[in-house]
Amino acid sequence: MGYLKVYIFLAVTCSSIIIGQGGVTTKKPELINLPAISPSIESVSDAAPPVDVIGPSKEPQQSSPQPETTAASTTSTTSSTTTTSTPAPTTTTEPAPNTTTVPTTTVTPAPEPKPTPAPGPLPRPTQGTWFYTDKKTNVTCILVQFAAQLNITYPKNNTSSLGYALLNVPSNASVVDGSCNTTSQSLSLAWDDGNHTLTMHFLANDTTKTYLLNSLNITISSEILVNSSLSGHVDVWHGAEWAMPMNTSYRCAADTQLNLTAEVTSVAATLTLSQLQEEAFRTQHNNNSFSSARECGSPDLPDAVPIAVGCALGGLVVVVLIAYLEGRRRSAARGYLSM
């Protein structure tokens, strides 16, 4: 074991001698350009200190510097370059705090449904004015104005009970048909896209020189009748009413109820007319004025009645006058003088 240590010592010593003989060549290291974000590398290029060669005599021997060798030199030169690199500082990148805003969902409770109010009573109808003009003569033969409300009773579907419905005739109903004959005239109104119609038919009497409302017909769609057992259209009508002399209009400000009849016995209806004024068999060209009106409350008396009453009153006056004169004559005959 002792011999092994000696051999190792001698090997190290010989190596040191060989290195000392070869000399030490110091070469300046090249600088490496690094990106701006990396720290710079410092290079240490100081000459290596002299190497102490320890010989067998144990005497220190100063190593003499050797001349630099060129690339063309045949002498083998061992260069020893010592480069000290400053380690790049370690940059610890802390993760950015989580700034993601989590959307907050606000749940708004649904409003409670409000109870549906019960339908109120149907308002009173408004007055409308309608007329029909003969296109050939340009004469407005019929002029009417009124406010109308229909009250109809009908059978319900699959039940024995009855339903009720109210319907106003709108003031903007359209005139869709009419006629201006000499003895028969008519006027037809329609509304709700023609689903409902009202027709007034007048007749004239040349003998008495009067005219009357001969009939009033109404047709409505059964679709407005809730839960009705009827289908299609429902027809109701009224007969003759209010006769009056020619060139006279009929006027009635109060409500007038007309009872209507239907083909179906379980259907009944009433038409209420208010602010009524109508005139047929007119000969005027204008369509905005009525002739003298006869009120609905006045009795329809024939012309002979006033004449008879006048004659009776005249005869009574004559009788009274004769009785008075006869009485004075008798008093004078008895010799009494009048005071």
C-alpha atoms as a PDB file:
ATOM      1  CA  MET A   1       0.000   0.000   0.000  1.00  0.00           C
ATOM      2  CA  GLY A   2       2.867   2.364   0.700  1.00  0.00           C
ATOM      3  CA  TYR A   3       4.313   1.651  -2.683  1.00  0.00           C
ATOM      4  CA  LEU A   4       1.054   2.621  -4.371  1.00  0.00           C
ATOM      5  CA  LYS A   5       1.102   6.023  -2.708  1.00  0.00           C
ATOM      6  CA  VAL A   6       4.665   6.607  -3.838  1.00  0.00           C
ATOM      7  CA  TYR A   7       3.858   5.720  -7.407  1.00  0.00           C
ATOM      8  CA  ILE A   8       0.888   8.082  -7.441  1.00  0.00           C
ATOM      9  CA  PHE A   9       3.014  10.909  -6.001  1.00  0.00           C
ATOM     10  CA  LEU A  10       5.705  10.372  -8.648  1.00  0.00           C
ATOM     11  CA  ALA A  11       3.100  10.373 -11.429  1.00  0.00           C
ATOM     12  CA  VAL A  12       1.673  13.656 -10.244  1.00  0.00           C
ATOM     13  CA  THR A  13       5.120  15.171  -9.954  1.00  0.00           C
ATOM     14  CA  CYS A  14       6.117  14.153 -13.469  1.00  0.00           C
ATOM     15  CA  SER A  15       2.912  15.573 -14.876  1.00  0.00           C
ATOM     16  CA  SER A  16       3.560  18.878 -13.177  1.00  0.00           C
ATOM     17  CA  ILE A  17       7.062  19.017 -14.627  1.00  0.00           C
ATOM     18  CA  ILE A  18       5.757  18.358 -18.125  1.00  0.00           C
ATOM     19  CA  ILE A  19       3.136  21.033 -17.814  1.00  0.00           C
ATOM     20  CA  GLY A  20       5.732  23.499 -16.531  1.00  0.00           C
ATOM     21  CA  GLN A  21       7.960  22.851 -19.493  1.00  0.00           C
ATOM     22  CA  GLY A  22       5.224  23.363 -21.977  1.00  0.00           C
ATOM     23  CA  GLY A  23       4.390  26.770 -20.595  1.00  0.00           C
ATOM     24  CA  VAL A  24       1.028  28.278 -20.011  1.00  0.00           C
ATOM     25  CA  THR A  25      -0.682  30.196 -22.785  1.00  0.00           C
ATOM     26  CA  THR A  26      -3.383  32.588 -21.773  1.00  0.00           C
ATOM     27  CA  LYS A  27      -6.009  33.416 -24.355  1.00  0.00           C
ATOM     28  CA  LYS A  28      -8.675  36.052 -23.911  1.00  0.00           C
ATOM     29  CA  PRO A  29     -12.074  34.446 -24.199  1.00  0.00           C
ATOM     30  CA  GLU A  30     -14.606  35.695 -26.705  1.00  0.00           C
ATOM     31  CA  LEU A  31     -17.582  37.659 -25.423  1.00  0.00           C
ATOM     32  CA  ILE A  32     -20.964  36.149 -26.141  1.00  0.00           C
ATOM     33  CA  ASN A  33     -23.740  38.553 -27.022  1.00  0.00           C
ATOM     34  CA  LEU A  34     -26.881  37.483 -25.254  1.00  0.00           C
ATOM     35  CA  PRO A  35     -30.403  38.869 -25.626  1.00  0.00           C
ATOM     36  CA  ALA A  36     -31.258  41.993 -23.669  1.00  0.00           C
ATOM     37  CA  ILE A  37     -33.440  40.122 -21.298  1.00  0.00           C
ATOM     38  CA  SER A  38     -30.534  37.885 -20.175  1.00  0.00           C
ATOM     39  CA  PRO A  39     -27.916  39.252 -17.812  1.00  0.00           C
ATOM     40  CA  SER A  40     -24.402  39.847 -19.280  1.00  0.00           C
ATOM     41  CA  ILE A  41     -21.639  37.328 -18.771  1.00  0.00           C
ATOM     42  CA  GLU A  42     -18.442  38.665 -17.338  1.00  0.00           C
ATOM     43  CA  SER A  43     -15.228  37.066 -18.562  1.00  0.00           C
ATOM     44  CA  VAL A  44     -12.125  36.894 -16.519  1.00  0.00           C
ATOM     45  CA  SER A  45      -9.036  36.931 -18.766  1.00  0.00           C
ATOM     46  CA  ASP A  46      -6.231  37.446 -16.258  1.00  0.00           C
ATOM     47  CA  ALA A  47      -3.055  35.512 -16.938  1.00  0.00           C
ATOM     48  CA  ALA A  48      -2.681  32.338 -15.012  1.00  0.00           C
ATOM     49  CA  PRO A  49      -0.299  32.658 -12.089  1.00  0.00           C
ATOM     50  CA  PRO A  50       3.090  30.926 -12.356  1.00  0.00           C
ATOM     51  CA  VAL A  51       2.938  27.216 -11.618  1.00  0.00           C
ATOM     52  CA  ASP A  52       5.328  25.930  -9.010  1.00  0.00           C
ATOM     53  CA  VAL A  53       7.033  22.745 -10.242  1.00  0.00           C
ATOM     54  CA  ILE A  54       8.220  20.530  -7.454  1.00  0.00           C
ATOM     55  CA  GLY A  55      11.204  18.395  -8.502  1.00  0.00           C
ATOM     56  CA  PRO A  56      12.712  15.362  -6.915  1.00  0.00           C
ATOM     57  CA  SER A  57      15.157  17.539  -5.016  1.00  0.00           C
ATOM     58  CA  LYS A  58      12.260  19.175  -3.339  1.00  0.00           C
ATOM     59  CA  GLU A  59      13.642  22.576  -4.359  1.00  0.00           C
ATOM     60  CA  PRO A  60      11.288  25.074  -5.770  1.00  0.00           C
ATOM     61  CA  GLN A  61      11.924  25.882  -9.359  1.00  0.00           C
ATOM     62  CA  GLN A  62      10.610  29.076 -10.941  1.00  0.00           C
ATOM     63  CA  SER A  63       8.918  28.354 -14.256  1.00  0.00           C
ATOM     64  CA  SER A  64      10.064  30.590 -17.039  1.00  0.00           C
ATOM     65  CA  PRO A  65       7.462  31.998 -19.408  1.00  0.00           C
ATOM     66  CA  GLN A  66       7.302  30.443 -22.809  1.00  0.00           C
ATOM     67  CA  PRO A  67       6.832  32.381 -26.056  1.00  0.00           C
ATOM     68  CA  GLU A  68       3.422  32.294 -27.732  1.00  0.00           C
ATOM     69  CA  THR A  69       3.034  29.694 -30.378  1.00  0.00           C
ATOM     70  CA  THR A  70       1.345  30.247 -33.694  1.00  0.00           C
ATOM     71  CA  ALA A  71      -0.915  28.029 -35.611  1.00  0.00           C
ATOM     72  CA  ALA A  72       2.036  27.150 -37.896  1.00  0.00           C
ATOM     73  CA  SER A  73       4.273  25.982 -35.009  1.00  0.00           C
ATOM     74  CA  THR A  74       5.022  22.291 -34.915  1.00  0.00           C
ATOM     75  CA  THR A  75       5.454  22.378 -31.151  1.00  0.00           C
ATOM     76  CA  SER A  76       2.491  21.035 -29.352  1.00  0.00           C
ATOM     77  CA  THR A  77       1.183  23.636 -26.986  1.00  0.00           C
ATOM     78  CA  THR A  78      -1.327  23.021 -24.369  1.00  0.00           C
ATOM     79  CA  SER A  79      -3.431  26.036 -23.661  1.00  0.00           C
ATOM     80  CA  SER A  80      -5.302  26.360 -20.488  1.00  0.00           C
ATOM     81  CA  THR A  81      -8.038  28.951 -20.458  1.00  0.00           C
ATOM     82  CA  THR A  82      -9.919  29.689 -17.322  1.00  0.00           C
ATOM     83  CA  THR A  83     -13.294  31.352 -17.831  1.00  0.00           C
ATOM     84  CA  THR A  84     -15.303  32.515 -14.949  1.00  0.00           C
ATOM     85  CA  SER A  85     -18.950  32.952 -15.812  1.00  0.00           C
ATOM     86  CA  THR A  86     -21.245  34.873 -13.562  1.00  0.00           C
ATOM     87  CA  PRO A  87     -24.414  32.842 -13.268  1.00  0.00           C
ATOM     88  CA  ALA A  88     -27.498  34.581 -14.555  1.00  0.00           C
ATOM     89  CA  PRO A  89     -29.751  35.702 -11.786  1.00  0.00           C
ATOM     90  CA  THR A  90     -32.694  33.510 -11.324  1.00  0.00           C
ATOM     91  CA  THR A  91     -35.883  35.424 -11.927  1.00  0.00           C
ATOM     92  CA  THR A  92     -38.825  33.985 -10.178  1.00  0.00           C
ATOM     93  CA  THR A  93     -42.051  34.961 -11.878  1.00  0.00           C
ATOM     94  CA  GLU A  94     -44.866  34.874  -9.460  1.00  0.00           C
ATOM     95  CA  PRO A  95     -48.171  33.982 -11.056  1.00  0.00           C
ATOM     96  CA  ALA A  96     -50.476  36.942 -11.397  1.00  0.00           C
ATOM     97  CA  PRO A  97     -53.390  36.871  -9.048  1.00  0.00           C
ATOM     98  CA  ASN A  98     -56.545  35.528 -10.538  1.00  0.00           C
ATOM     99  CA  THR A  99     -58.508  38.655 -11.456  1.00  0.00           C
ATOM    100  CA  THR A 100     -61.206  36.884 -13.474  1.00  0.00           C
ATOM    101  CA  THR A 101     -64.535  38.253 -12.383  1.00  0.00           C
ATOM    102  CA  VAL A 102     -67.092  35.546 -12.042  1.00  0.00           C
ATOM    103  CA  PRO A 103     -70.428  36.924 -13.308  1.00  0.00           C
ATOM    104  CA  THR A 104     -73.035  36.987 -10.659  1.00  0.00           C
ATOM    105  CA  THR A 105     -76.378  35.724 -11.834  1.00  0.00           C
ATOM    106  CA  THR A 106     -79.230  37.467 -10.137  1.00  0.00           C
ATOM    107  CA  VAL A 107     -82.379  35.434 -10.250  1.00  0.00           C
ATOM    108  CA  THR A 108     -85.389  37.716 -10.325  1.00  0.00           C
ATOM    109  CA  PRO A 109     -88.488  35.982  -9.088  1.00  0.00           C
ATOM    110  CA  ALA A 110     -91.273  35.866 -11.616  1.00  0.00           C
ATOM    111  CA  PRO A 111     -94.086  38.254 -10.769  1.00  0.00           C
ATOM    112  CA  GLU A 112     -97.183  36.673  -9.513  1.00  0.00           C
ATOM    113  CA  PRO A 113     -99.895  36.614 -12.164  1.00  0.00           C
ATOM    114  CA  LYS A 114    -102.557  39.189 -11.567  1.00  0.00           C
ATOM    115  CA  PRO A 115    -106.114  37.991 -11.614  1.00  0.00           C
ATOM    116  CA  THR A 116    -107.939  38.821 -14.807  1.00  0.00           C
ATOM    117  CA  PRO A 117    -110.625  41.361 -14.023  1.00  0.00           C
ATOM    118  CA  ALA A 118    -114.126  40.350 -14.865  1.00  0.00           C
ATOM    119  CA  PRO A 119    -115.466  42.050 -17.983  1.00  0.00           C
ATOM    120  CA  GLY A 120    -117.520  45.098 -17.155  1.00  0.00           C
ATOM    121  CA  PRO A 121    -120.865  45.976 -18.631  1.00  0.00           C
ATOM    122  CA  LEU A 122    -120.947  46.869 -22.291  1.00  0.00           C
ATOM    123  CA  PRO A 123    -120.920  50.667 -22.686  1.00  0.00           C
ATOM    124  CA  ARG A 124    -123.834  52.413 -24.325  1.00  0.00           C
ATOM    125  CA  PRO A 125    -123.634  52.573 -28.115  1.00  0.00           C
ATOM    126  CA  THR A 126    -122.782  55.802 -29.889  1.00  0.00           C
ATOM    127  CA  GLN A 127    -125.005  57.423 -32.472  1.00  0.00           C
ATOM    128  CA  GLY A 128    -124.224  56.988 -36.146  1.00  0.00           C
ATOM    129  CA  THR A 129    -125.664  58.570 -39.291  1.00  0.00           C
ATOM    130  CA  TRP A 130    -126.198  56.688 -42.534  1.00  0.00           C
ATOM    131  CA  PHE A 131    -127.871  57.445 -45.888  1.00  0.00           C
ATOM    132  CA  TYR A 132    -128.395  55.881 -49.279  1.00  0.00           C
ATOM    133  CA  THR A 133    -128.242  57.899 -52.506  1.00  0.00           C
ATOM    134  CA  ASP A 134    -129.642  56.764 -55.836  1.00  0.00           C
ATOM    135  CA  LYS A 135    -126.748  56.770 -58.267  1.00  0.00           C
ATOM    136  CA  LYS A 136    -129.003  57.496 -61.246  1.00  0.00           C
ATOM    137  CA  THR A 137    -130.907  60.488 -59.869  1.00  0.00           C
ATOM    138  CA  ASN A 138    -128.404  61.553 -57.167  1.00  0.00           C
ATOM    139  CA  VAL A 139    -131.332  61.760 -54.724  1.00  0.00           C
ATOM    140  CA  THR A 140    -130.764  60.719 -51.123  1.00  0.00           C
ATOM    141  CA  CYS A 141    -133.942  58.723 -50.574  1.00  0.00           C
ATOM    142  CA  ILE A 142    -133.137  57.359 -47.080  1.00  0.00           C
ATOM    143  CA  LEU A 143    -131.534  59.164 -44.148  1.00  0.00           C
ATOM    144  CA  VAL A 144    -131.319  57.552 -40.702  1.00  0.00           C
ATOM    145  CA  GLN A 145    -129.428  58.090 -37.457  1.00  0.00           C
ATOM    146  CA  PHE A 146    -129.562  56.103 -34.221  1.00  0.00           C
ATOM    147  CA  ALA A 147    -127.591  54.262 -31.542  1.00  0.00           C
ATOM    148  CA  ALA A 148    -128.454  50.554 -31.331  1.00  0.00           C
ATOM    149  CA  GLN A 149    -127.644  47.695 -28.956  1.00  0.00           C
ATOM    150  CA  LEU A 150    -128.665  44.078 -29.519  1.00  0.00           C
ATOM    151  CA  ASN A 151    -129.396  41.751 -26.611  1.00  0.00           C
ATOM    152  CA  ILE A 152    -129.643  38.115 -27.696  1.00  0.00           C
ATOM    153  CA  THR A 153    -130.460  34.928 -25.773  1.00  0.00           C
ATOM    154  CA  TYR A 154    -129.277  31.599 -27.218  1.00  0.00           C
ATOM    155  CA  PRO A 155    -128.932  27.914 -26.211  1.00  0.00           C
ATOM    156  CA  LYS A 156    -125.571  26.744 -24.913  1.00  0.00           C
ATOM    157  CA  ASN A 157    -123.753  23.734 -26.280  1.00  0.00           C
ATOM    158  CA  ASN A 158    -124.495  20.353 -24.619  1.00  0.00           C
ATOM    159  CA  THR A 159    -126.448  21.999 -21.825  1.00  0.00           C
ATOM    160  CA  SER A 160    -130.003  22.986 -21.147  1.00  0.00           C
ATOM    161  CA  SER A 161    -129.011  26.473 -19.972  1.00  0.00           C
ATOM    162  CA  LEU A 162    -129.123  29.678 -22.001  1.00  0.00           C
ATOM    163  CA  GLY A 163    -126.415  32.178 -22.834  1.00  0.00           C
ATOM    164  CA  TYR A 164    -126.666  35.924 -23.167  1.00  0.00           C
ATOM    165  CA  ALA A 165    -124.746  38.311 -25.392  1.00  0.00           C
ATOM    166  CA  LEU A 166    -124.720  42.064 -25.982  1.00  0.00           C
ATOM    167  CA  LEU A 167    -123.678  43.623 -29.267  1.00  0.00           C
ATOM    168  CA  ASN A 168    -123.442  47.308 -30.181  1.00  0.00           C
ATOM    169  CA  VAL A 169    -123.966  48.524 -33.709  1.00  0.00           C
ATOM    170  CA  PRO A 170    -120.828  50.644 -34.276  1.00  0.00           C
ATOM    171  CA  SER A 171    -121.241  54.219 -35.428  1.00  0.00           C
ATOM    172  CA  ASN A 172    -118.773  53.560 -38.264  1.00  0.00           C
ATOM    173  CA  ALA A 173    -120.742  50.675 -39.793  1.00  0.00           C
ATOM    174  CA  SER A 174    -120.661  50.807 -43.585  1.00  0.00           C
ATOM    175  CA  VAL A 175    -123.592  51.159 -45.968  1.00  0.00           C
ATOM    176  CA  VAL A 176    -123.246  48.121 -48.235  1.00  0.00           C
ATOM    177  CA  ASP A 177    -126.559  48.097 -50.113  1.00  0.00           C
ATOM    178  CA  GLY A 178    -129.850  49.941 -50.615  1.00  0.00           C
ATOM    179  CA  SER A 179    -132.638  50.822 -53.017  1.00  0.00           C
ATOM    180  CA  CYS A 180    -134.669  53.923 -53.892  1.00  0.00           C
ATOM    181  CA  ASN A 181    -137.796  52.557 -55.560  1.00  0.00           C
ATOM    182  CA  THR A 182    -141.031  54.544 -55.519  1.00  0.00           C
ATOM    183  CA  THR A 183    -142.933  52.134 -53.280  1.00  0.00           C
ATOM    184  CA  SER A 184    -140.178  50.111 -51.591  1.00  0.00           C
ATOM    185  CA  GLN A 185    -136.855  51.348 -50.234  1.00  0.00           C
ATOM    186  CA  SER A 186    -134.137  49.751 -48.120  1.00  0.00           C
ATOM    187  CA  LEU A 187    -130.818  50.456 -46.413  1.00  0.00           C
ATOM    188  CA  SER A 188    -128.264  47.786 -45.360  1.00  0.00           C
ATOM    189  CA  LEU A 189    -125.393  48.262 -42.869  1.00  0.00           C
ATOM    190  CA  ALA A 190    -122.466  45.907 -42.213  1.00  0.00           C
ATOM    191  CA  TRP A 191    -119.583  45.770 -39.700  1.00  0.00           C
ATOM    192  CA  ASP A 192    -116.948  43.404 -38.371  1.00  0.00           C
ATOM    193  CA  ASP A 193    -115.801  42.514 -41.902  1.00  0.00           C
ATOM    194  CA  GLY A 194    -119.355  41.790 -42.968  1.00  0.00           C
ATOM    195  CA  ASN A 195    -119.999  39.200 -40.249  1.00  0.00           C
ATOM    196  CA  HIS A 196    -122.916  41.272 -38.928  1.00  0.00           C
ATOM    197  CA  THR A 197    -125.554  43.159 -40.930  1.00  0.00           C
ATOM    198  CA  LEU A 198    -128.663  45.293 -40.256  1.00  0.00           C
ATOM    199  CA  THR A 199    -131.275  46.035 -42.938  1.00  0.00           C
ATOM    200  CA  MET A 200    -134.186  48.500 -42.730  1.00  0.00           C
ATOM    201  CA  HIS A 201    -137.008  48.093 -45.243  1.00  0.00           C
ATOM    202  CA  PHE A 202    -139.636  50.815 -45.841  1.00  0.00           C
ATOM    203  CA  LEU A 203    -142.980  50.685 -47.696  1.00  0.00           C
ATOM    204  CA  ALA A 204    -145.098  53.576 -49.060  1.00  0.00           C
ATOM    205  CA  ASN A 205    -148.866  53.802 -49.366  1.00  0.00           C
ATOM    206  CA  ASP A 206    -149.935  55.992 -52.250  1.00  0.00           C
ATOM    207  CA  THR A 207    -153.566  55.999 -51.097  1.00  0.00           C
ATOM    208  CA  THR A 208    -152.974  57.440 -47.634  1.00  0.00           C
ATOM    209  CA  LYS A 209    -149.755  59.208 -48.611  1.00  0.00           C
ATOM    210  CA  THR A 210    -147.922  57.621 -45.724  1.00  0.00           C
ATOM    211  CA  TYR A 211    -144.919  55.322 -45.280  1.00  0.00           C
ATOM    212  CA  LEU A 212    -143.763  52.998 -42.528  1.00  0.00           C
ATOM    213  CA  LEU A 213    -140.883  50.834 -41.402  1.00  0.00           C
ATOM    214  CA  ASN A 214    -142.005  47.521 -42.827  1.00  0.00           C
ATOM    215  CA  SER A 215    -139.263  45.310 -41.327  1.00  0.00           C
ATOM    216  CA  LEU A 216    -135.905  45.409 -39.567  1.00  0.00           C
ATOM    217  CA  ASN A 217    -133.599  42.396 -40.069  1.00  0.00           C
ATOM    218  CA  ILE A 218    -130.346  41.621 -38.234  1.00  0.00           C
ATOM    219  CA  THR A 219    -127.856  38.869 -39.075  1.00  0.00           C
ATOM    220  CA  ILE A 220    -124.971  38.057 -36.692  1.00  0.00           C
ATOM    221  CA  SER A 221    -122.219  35.468 -36.689  1.00  0.00           C
ATOM    222  CA  SER A 222    -122.594  32.689 -34.129  1.00  0.00           C
ATOM    223  CA  GLU A 223    -118.863  32.989 -33.350  1.00  0.00           C
ATOM    224  CA  ILE A 224    -119.578  35.826 -30.908  1.00  0.00           C
ATOM    225  CA  LEU A 225    -121.952  33.592 -28.955  1.00  0.00           C
ATOM    226  CA  VAL A 226    -119.772  31.894 -26.344  1.00  0.00           C
ATOM    227  CA  ASN A 227    -120.295  28.125 -26.065  1.00  0.00           C
ATOM    228  CA  SER A 228    -123.251  28.284 -28.407  1.00  0.00           C
ATOM    229  CA  SER A 229    -124.891  25.254 -29.941  1.00  0.00           C
ATOM    230  CA  LEU A 230    -125.665  27.342 -33.050  1.00  0.00           C
ATOM    231  CA  SER A 231    -123.494  27.420 -36.145  1.00  0.00           C
ATOM    232  CA  GLY A 232    -123.168  29.758 -39.078  1.00  0.00           C
ATOM    233  CA  HIS A 233    -125.268  32.921 -38.905  1.00  0.00           C
ATOM    234  CA  VAL A 234    -128.259  33.783 -36.748  1.00  0.00           C
ATOM    235  CA  ASP A 235    -131.119  35.786 -38.284  1.00  0.00           C
ATOM    236  CA  VAL A 236    -133.605  37.823 -36.243  1.00  0.00           C
ATOM    237  CA  TRP A 237    -136.195  40.370 -37.421  1.00  0.00           C
ATOM    238  CA  HIS A 238    -138.969  42.765 -36.385  1.00  0.00           C
ATOM    239  CA  GLY A 239    -142.220  43.676 -38.171  1.00  0.00           C
ATOM    240  CA  ALA A 240    -143.911  46.988 -39.116  1.00  0.00           C
ATOM    241  CA  GLU A 241    -143.461  50.111 -37.008  1.00  0.00           C
ATOM    242  CA  TRP A 242    -144.167  53.885 -36.903  1.00  0.00           C
ATOM    243  CA  ALA A 243    -146.241  54.970 -39.907  1.00  0.00           C
ATOM    244  CA  MET A 244    -146.084  58.661 -40.773  1.00  0.00           C
ATOM    245  CA  PRO A 245    -147.032  61.058 -43.572  1.00  0.00           C
ATOM    246  CA  MET A 246    -144.795  61.556 -46.571  1.00  0.00           C
ATOM    247  CA  ASN A 247    -142.143  64.271 -46.353  1.00  0.00           C
ATOM    248  CA  THR A 248    -142.066  63.797 -42.593  1.00  0.00           C
ATOM    249  CA  SER A 249    -139.333  62.244 -40.463  1.00  0.00           C
ATOM    250  CA  TYR A 250    -139.793  60.083 -37.383  1.00  0.00           C
ATOM    251  CA  ARG A 251    -137.893  61.118 -34.246  1.00  0.00           C
ATOM    252  CA  CYS A 252    -137.625  59.485 -30.818  1.00  0.00           C
ATOM    253  CA  ALA A 253    -134.964  60.575 -28.335  1.00  0.00           C
ATOM    254  CA  ALA A 254    -135.972  58.061 -25.649  1.00  0.00           C
ATOM    255  CA  ASP A 255    -134.971  54.380 -25.782  1.00  0.00           C
ATOM    256  CA  THR A 256    -137.211  52.296 -27.994  1.00  0.00           C
ATOM    257  CA  GLN A 257    -137.143  48.496 -27.618  1.00  0.00           C
ATOM    258  CA  LEU A 258    -138.053  46.280 -30.547  1.00  0.00           C
ATOM    259  CA  ASN A 259    -138.680  42.591 -29.875  1.00  0.00           C
ATOM    260  CA  LEU A 260    -137.030  40.430 -32.539  1.00  0.00           C
ATOM    261  CA  THR A 261    -138.061  36.994 -33.728  1.00  0.00           C
ATOM    262  CA  ALA A 262    -135.805  34.129 -34.893  1.00  0.00           C
ATOM    263  CA  GLU A 263    -136.321  30.912 -36.809  1.00  0.00           C
ATOM    264  CA  VAL A 264    -134.877  28.949 -33.873  1.00  0.00           C
ATOM    265  CA  THR A 265    -137.455  29.008 -31.102  1.00  0.00           C
ATOM    266  CA  SER A 266    -134.781  28.950 -28.393  1.00  0.00           C
ATOM    267  CA  VAL A 267    -133.306  32.221 -29.683  1.00  0.00           C
ATOM    268  CA  ALA A 268    -134.779  35.563 -28.623  1.00  0.00           C
ATOM    269  CA  ALA A 269    -133.439  39.078 -29.095  1.00  0.00           C
ATOM    270  CA  THR A 270    -134.227  42.698 -28.284  1.00  0.00           C
ATOM    271  CA  LEU A 271    -132.958  45.721 -30.167  1.00  0.00           C
ATOM    272  CA  THR A 272    -132.762  48.975 -28.204  1.00  0.00           C
ATOM    273  CA  LEU A 273    -132.752  52.124 -30.339  1.00  0.00           C
ATOM    274  CA  SER A 274    -131.928  55.527 -28.874  1.00  0.00           C
ATOM    275  CA  GLN A 275    -131.451  58.996 -30.394  1.00  0.00           C
ATOM    276  CA  LEU A 276    -133.482  57.762 -33.333  1.00  0.00           C
ATOM    277  CA  GLN A 277    -134.504  59.807 -36.355  1.00  0.00           C
ATOM    278  CA  GLU A 278    -135.258  58.384 -39.767  1.00  0.00           C
ATOM    279  CA  GLU A 279    -136.875  59.383 -43.023  1.00  0.00           C
ATOM    280  CA  ALA A 280    -137.554  57.462 -46.216  1.00  0.00           C
ATOM    281  CA  PHE A 281    -138.928  58.341 -49.651  1.00  0.00           C
ATOM    282  CA  ARG A 282    -137.114  61.633 -49.592  1.00  0.00           C
ATOM    283  CA  THR A 283    -136.803  63.744 -52.749  1.00  0.00           C
ATOM    284  CA  GLN A 284    -133.950  66.019 -51.650  1.00  0.00           C
ATOM    285  CA  HIS A 285    -130.446  65.806 -53.057  1.00  0.00           C
ATOM    286  CA  ASN A 286    -128.774  66.725 -49.774  1.00  0.00           C
ATOM    287  CA  ASN A 287    -128.003  64.073 -47.195  1.00  0.00           C
ATOM    288  CA  ASN A 288    -127.605  66.097 -44.002  1.00  0.00           C
ATOM    289  CA  SER A 289    -131.043  67.417 -43.069  1.00  0.00           C
ATOM    290  CA  PHE A 290    -134.388  65.856 -42.132  1.00  0.00           C
ATOM    291  CA  SER A 291    -137.871  67.068 -42.926  1.00  0.00           C
ATOM    292  CA  SER A 292    -140.188  68.236 -40.138  1.00  0.00           C
ATOM    293  CA  ALA A 293    -140.283  65.540 -37.484  1.00  0.00           C
ATOM    294  CA  ARG A 294    -143.118  63.748 -35.743  1.00  0.00           C
ATOM    295  CA  GLU A 295    -142.205  62.747 -32.192  1.00  0.00           C
ATOM    296  CA  CYS A 296    -142.616  59.179 -31.082  1.00  0.00           C
ATOM    297  CA  GLY A 297    -144.816  60.183 -28.093  1.00  0.00           C
ATOM    298  CA  SER A 298    -147.475  61.992 -30.161  1.00  0.00           C
ATOM    299  CA  PRO A 299    -150.535  59.935 -31.219  1.00  0.00           C
ATOM    300  CA  ASP A 300    -151.035  59.257 -34.884  1.00  0.00           C
ATOM    301  CA  LEU A 301    -154.468  60.893 -35.380  1.00  0.00           C
ATOM    302  CA  PRO A 302    -156.094  61.101 -38.799  1.00  0.00           C
ATOM    303  CA  ASP A 303    -156.708  64.553 -40.256  1.00  0.00           C
ATOM    304  CA  ALA A 304    -160.533  64.089 -39.965  1.00  0.00           C
ATOM    305  CA  VAL A 305    -160.375  64.037 -36.175  1.00  0.00           C
ATOM    306  CA  PRO A 306    -159.135  67.611 -35.743  1.00  0.00           C
ATOM    307  CA  ILE A 307    -161.650  68.783 -38.360  1.00  0.00           C
ATOM    308  CA  ALA A 308    -164.500  67.043 -36.563  1.00  0.00           C
ATOM    309  CA  VAL A 309    -163.462  68.495 -33.230  1.00  0.00           C
ATOM    310  CA  GLY A 310    -163.305  71.989 -34.748  1.00  0.00           C
ATOM    311  CA  CYS A 311    -166.716  71.619 -36.311  1.00  0.00           C
ATOM    312  CA  ALA A 312    -168.187  70.431 -33.023  1.00  0.00           C
ATOM    313  CA  LEU A 313    -166.745  73.370 -31.172  1.00  0.00           C
ATOM    314  CA  GLY A 314    -168.048  75.794 -33.839  1.00  0.00           C
ATOM    315  CA  GLY A 315    -171.538  74.300 -33.662  1.00  0.00           C
ATOM    316  CA  LEU A 316    -171.529  74.578 -29.884  1.00  0.00           C
ATOM    317  CA  VAL A 317    -170.655  78.266 -30.099  1.00  0.00           C
ATOM    318  CA  VAL A 318    -173.515  78.833 -32.555  1.00  0.00           C
ATOM    319  CA  VAL A 319    -175.995  77.032 -30.276  1.00  0.00           C
ATOM    320  CA  VAL A 320    -174.937  79.081 -27.264  1.00  0.00           C
ATOM    321  CA  LEU A 321    -175.239  82.314 -29.220  1.00  0.00           C
ATOM    322  CA  ILE A 322    -178.719  81.418 -30.483  1.00  0.00           C
ATOM    323  CA  ALA A 323    -179.870  80.498 -26.972  1.00  0.00           C
ATOM    324  CA  TYR A 324    -178.608  83.783 -25.634  1.00  0.00           C
ATOM    325  CA  LEU A 325    -180.380  85.855 -28.267  1.00  0.00           C
ATOM    326  CA  GLU A 326    -183.617  83.912 -27.753  1.00  0.00           C
ATOM    327  CA  GLY A 327    -183.468  84.544 -24.054  1.00  0.00           C
ATOM    328  CA  ARG A 328    -183.077  88.323 -24.486  1.00  0.00           C
ATOM    329  CA  ARG A 329    -185.973  88.413 -26.940  1.00  0.00           C
ATOM    330  CA  ARG A 330    -188.311  86.722 -24.461  1.00  0.00           C
ATOM    331  CA  SER A 331    -187.217  89.009 -21.674  1.00  0.00           C
ATOM    332  CA  ALA A 332    -187.950  92.106 -23.789  1.00  0.00           C
ATOM    333  CA  ALA A 333    -191.443  90.780 -24.644  1.00  0.00           C
ATOM    334  CA  ARG A 334    -192.374  90.645 -20.906  1.00  0.00           C
ATOM    335  CA  GLY A 335    -191.555  94.305 -20.524  1.00  0.00           C
ATOM    336  CA  TYR A 336    -188.337  94.012 -18.520  1.00  0.00           C
ATOM    337  CA  LEU A 337    -185.575  96.262 -19.684  1.00  0.00           C
ATOM    338  CA  SER A 338    -182.046  95.189 -19.555  1.00  0.00           C
ATOM    339  CA  MET A 339    -180.016  97.058 -16.951  1.00  0.00           C
END
